[in-house]
Amino acid sequence: MGLAVSWLLVGYATARQRLTPPRLQGRVTSATDVLINGPQTVSIALGALLIDLVDYRILLLSIAAVLLACGGVLGIRPRQAHDHRRQQAGRQLTAPDDQTT
């Protein structure tokens, strides 16, 4: 994940610089830095507060449960998407031709 973040940030910074007029570069850069780094700062503060209030073992079990639930959802979704595409393809093959002239 760390390698991908570098590529994303370089691409993002390049696009921002190319699409922003020179006279607005500083303002746009500052605003986007706040939007990107602000939530990270808040999440660190909330995490520190949470670890102070709740035992770390409970937090780890909660994280594990959420990750397993997400994995279960992601394990089901590809199958649903595949079934949906098959249904759509079947409808397209059996749909009557409405192009009458």
C-alpha atoms as a PDB file:
ATOM      1  CA  MET A   1       0.000   0.000   0.000  1.00  0.00           C
ATOM      2  CA  GLY A   2       2.824   2.424   0.765  1.00  0.00           C
ATOM      3  CA  LEU A   3       4.193   2.132  -2.752  1.00  0.00           C
ATOM      4  CA  ALA A   4       0.795   2.900  -4.272  1.00  0.00           C
ATOM      5  CA  VAL A   5       0.350   5.990  -2.105  1.00  0.00           C
ATOM      6  CA  SER A   6       3.520   7.522  -3.536  1.00  0.00           C
ATOM      7  CA  TRP A   7       2.316   7.023  -7.101  1.00  0.00           C
ATOM      8  CA  LEU A   8      -1.102   8.423  -6.280  1.00  0.00           C
ATOM      9  CA  LEU A   9       0.279  11.507  -4.572  1.00  0.00           C
ATOM     10  CA  VAL A  10       2.700  12.271  -7.396  1.00  0.00           C
ATOM     11  CA  GLY A  11      -0.069  11.926  -9.962  1.00  0.00           C
ATOM     12  CA  TYR A  12      -2.410  14.019  -7.872  1.00  0.00           C
ATOM     13  CA  ALA A  13       0.161  16.792  -7.338  1.00  0.00           C
ATOM     14  CA  THR A  14       1.006  16.839 -11.049  1.00  0.00           C
ATOM     15  CA  ALA A  15      -2.655  17.090 -12.059  1.00  0.00           C
ATOM     16  CA  ARG A  16      -3.311  19.787  -9.474  1.00  0.00           C
ATOM     17  CA  GLN A  17      -0.385  21.866 -10.699  1.00  0.00           C
ATOM     18  CA  ARG A  18      -1.280  21.472 -14.358  1.00  0.00           C
ATOM     19  CA  LEU A  19      -4.958  22.299 -13.874  1.00  0.00           C
ATOM     20  CA  THR A  20      -4.548  25.232 -11.470  1.00  0.00           C
ATOM     21  CA  PRO A  21      -3.737  28.719 -12.782  1.00  0.00           C
ATOM     22  CA  PRO A  22      -0.320  29.947 -11.575  1.00  0.00           C
ATOM     23  CA  ARG A  23      -1.796  32.789  -9.518  1.00  0.00           C
ATOM     24  CA  LEU A  24      -3.866  30.280  -7.476  1.00  0.00           C
ATOM     25  CA  GLN A  25      -1.211  27.588  -6.944  1.00  0.00           C
ATOM     26  CA  GLY A  26      -0.483  28.480  -3.312  1.00  0.00           C
ATOM     27  CA  ARG A  27      -4.122  28.714  -2.273  1.00  0.00           C
ATOM     28  CA  VAL A  28      -5.153  25.509  -3.987  1.00  0.00           C
ATOM     29  CA  THR A  29      -2.150  23.621  -2.609  1.00  0.00           C
ATOM     30  CA  SER A  30      -2.869  24.835   0.931  1.00  0.00           C
ATOM     31  CA  ALA A  31      -6.556  23.959   0.685  1.00  0.00           C
ATOM     32  CA  THR A  32      -5.910  20.471  -0.653  1.00  0.00           C
ATOM     33  CA  ASP A  33      -3.218  19.832   1.959  1.00  0.00           C
ATOM     34  CA  VAL A  34      -5.741  20.659   4.684  1.00  0.00           C
ATOM     35  CA  LEU A  35      -8.333  18.378   3.072  1.00  0.00           C
ATOM     36  CA  ILE A  36      -5.864  15.496   2.803  1.00  0.00           C
ATOM     37  CA  ASN A  37      -3.978  15.870   6.098  1.00  0.00           C
ATOM     38  CA  GLY A  38      -6.819  17.140   8.301  1.00  0.00           C
ATOM     39  CA  PRO A  39      -8.738  13.855   8.530  1.00  0.00           C
ATOM     40  CA  GLN A  40      -5.510  11.975   9.206  1.00  0.00           C
ATOM     41  CA  THR A  41      -4.688  14.274  12.123  1.00  0.00           C
ATOM     42  CA  VAL A  42      -8.196  13.927  13.542  1.00  0.00           C
ATOM     43  CA  SER A  43      -8.079  10.126  13.210  1.00  0.00           C
ATOM     44  CA  ILE A  44      -4.780   9.974  15.103  1.00  0.00           C
ATOM     45  CA  ALA A  45      -6.238  12.074  17.910  1.00  0.00           C
ATOM     46  CA  LEU A  46      -9.402   9.950  18.061  1.00  0.00           C
ATOM     47  CA  GLY A  47      -7.333   6.758  18.025  1.00  0.00           C
ATOM     48  CA  ALA A  48      -5.230   7.986  20.935  1.00  0.00           C
ATOM     49  CA  LEU A  49      -8.378   8.844  22.867  1.00  0.00           C
ATOM     50  CA  LEU A  50      -9.950   5.489  22.066  1.00  0.00           C
ATOM     51  CA  ILE A  51      -6.896   3.507  23.145  1.00  0.00           C
ATOM     52  CA  ASP A  52      -6.948   5.444  26.410  1.00  0.00           C
ATOM     53  CA  LEU A  53     -10.624   4.626  27.064  1.00  0.00           C
ATOM     54  CA  VAL A  54     -10.886   1.032  25.772  1.00  0.00           C
ATOM     55  CA  ASP A  55      -8.585  -1.925  26.375  1.00  0.00           C
ATOM     56  CA  TYR A  56      -6.391  -2.593  23.346  1.00  0.00           C
ATOM     57  CA  ARG A  57      -7.427  -6.266  23.224  1.00  0.00           C
ATOM     58  CA  ILE A  58     -11.060  -5.277  22.732  1.00  0.00           C
ATOM     59  CA  LEU A  59     -10.011  -2.892  19.971  1.00  0.00           C
ATOM     60  CA  LEU A  60      -8.002  -5.619  18.245  1.00  0.00           C
ATOM     61  CA  LEU A  61     -10.936  -8.046  18.425  1.00  0.00           C
ATOM     62  CA  SER A  62     -13.225  -5.347  17.040  1.00  0.00           C
ATOM     63  CA  ILE A  63     -10.837  -4.684  14.164  1.00  0.00           C
ATOM     64  CA  ALA A  64     -10.615  -8.397  13.418  1.00  0.00           C
ATOM     65  CA  ALA A  65     -14.413  -8.727  13.408  1.00  0.00           C
ATOM     66  CA  VAL A  66     -14.832  -5.773  11.051  1.00  0.00           C
ATOM     67  CA  LEU A  67     -12.146  -7.088   8.693  1.00  0.00           C
ATOM     68  CA  LEU A  68     -13.733 -10.547   8.615  1.00  0.00           C
ATOM     69  CA  ALA A  69     -17.136  -9.012   7.899  1.00  0.00           C
ATOM     70  CA  CYS A  70     -15.669  -6.922   5.081  1.00  0.00           C
ATOM     71  CA  GLY A  71     -13.937  -9.986   3.677  1.00  0.00           C
ATOM     72  CA  GLY A  72     -17.237 -11.854   3.744  1.00  0.00           C
ATOM     73  CA  VAL A  73     -19.016  -9.063   1.899  1.00  0.00           C
ATOM     74  CA  LEU A  74     -16.250  -8.857  -0.688  1.00  0.00           C
ATOM     75  CA  GLY A  75     -16.326 -12.618  -1.074  1.00  0.00           C
ATOM     76  CA  ILE A  76     -20.032 -12.497  -1.919  1.00  0.00           C
ATOM     77  CA  ARG A  77     -20.056  -9.383  -4.117  1.00  0.00           C
ATOM     78  CA  PRO A  78     -18.018 -10.685  -7.071  1.00  0.00           C
ATOM     79  CA  ARG A  79     -20.425 -13.573  -7.378  1.00  0.00           C
ATOM     80  CA  GLN A  80     -23.387 -11.177  -7.313  1.00  0.00           C
ATOM     81  CA  ALA A  81     -21.795  -8.932  -9.929  1.00  0.00           C
ATOM     82  CA  HIS A  82     -21.072 -11.951 -12.135  1.00  0.00           C
ATOM     83  CA  ASP A  83     -24.657 -13.189 -11.811  1.00  0.00           C
ATOM     84  CA  HIS A  84     -25.996  -9.718 -12.598  1.00  0.00           C
ATOM     85  CA  ARG A  85     -23.841  -9.484 -15.741  1.00  0.00           C
ATOM     86  CA  ARG A  86     -25.022 -12.914 -16.866  1.00  0.00           C
ATOM     87  CA  GLN A  87     -28.638 -11.862 -16.392  1.00  0.00           C
ATOM     88  CA  GLN A  88     -28.059  -8.659 -18.347  1.00  0.00           C
ATOM     89  CA  ALA A  89     -26.393 -10.576 -21.168  1.00  0.00           C
ATOM     90  CA  GLY A  90     -29.295 -13.027 -21.250  1.00  0.00           C
ATOM     91  CA  ARG A  91     -31.805 -10.191 -21.493  1.00  0.00           C
ATOM     92  CA  GLN A  92     -29.894  -8.611 -24.320  1.00  0.00           C
ATOM     93  CA  LEU A  93     -29.853 -11.875 -26.229  1.00  0.00           C
ATOM     94  CA  THR A  94     -33.561 -12.575 -25.740  1.00  0.00           C
ATOM     95  CA  ALA A  95     -34.868  -8.992 -25.962  1.00  0.00           C
ATOM     96  CA  PRO A  96     -37.033  -8.358 -28.998  1.00  0.00           C
ATOM     97  CA  ASP A  97     -35.662  -6.063 -31.660  1.00  0.00           C
ATOM     98  CA  ASP A  98     -37.491  -2.722 -31.332  1.00  0.00           C
ATOM     99  CA  GLN A  99     -35.980  -1.204 -34.443  1.00  0.00           C
ATOM    100  CA  THR A 100     -38.840  -1.369 -36.880  1.00  0.00           C
ATOM    101  CA  THR A 101     -38.890   0.918 -39.895  1.00  0.00           C
END
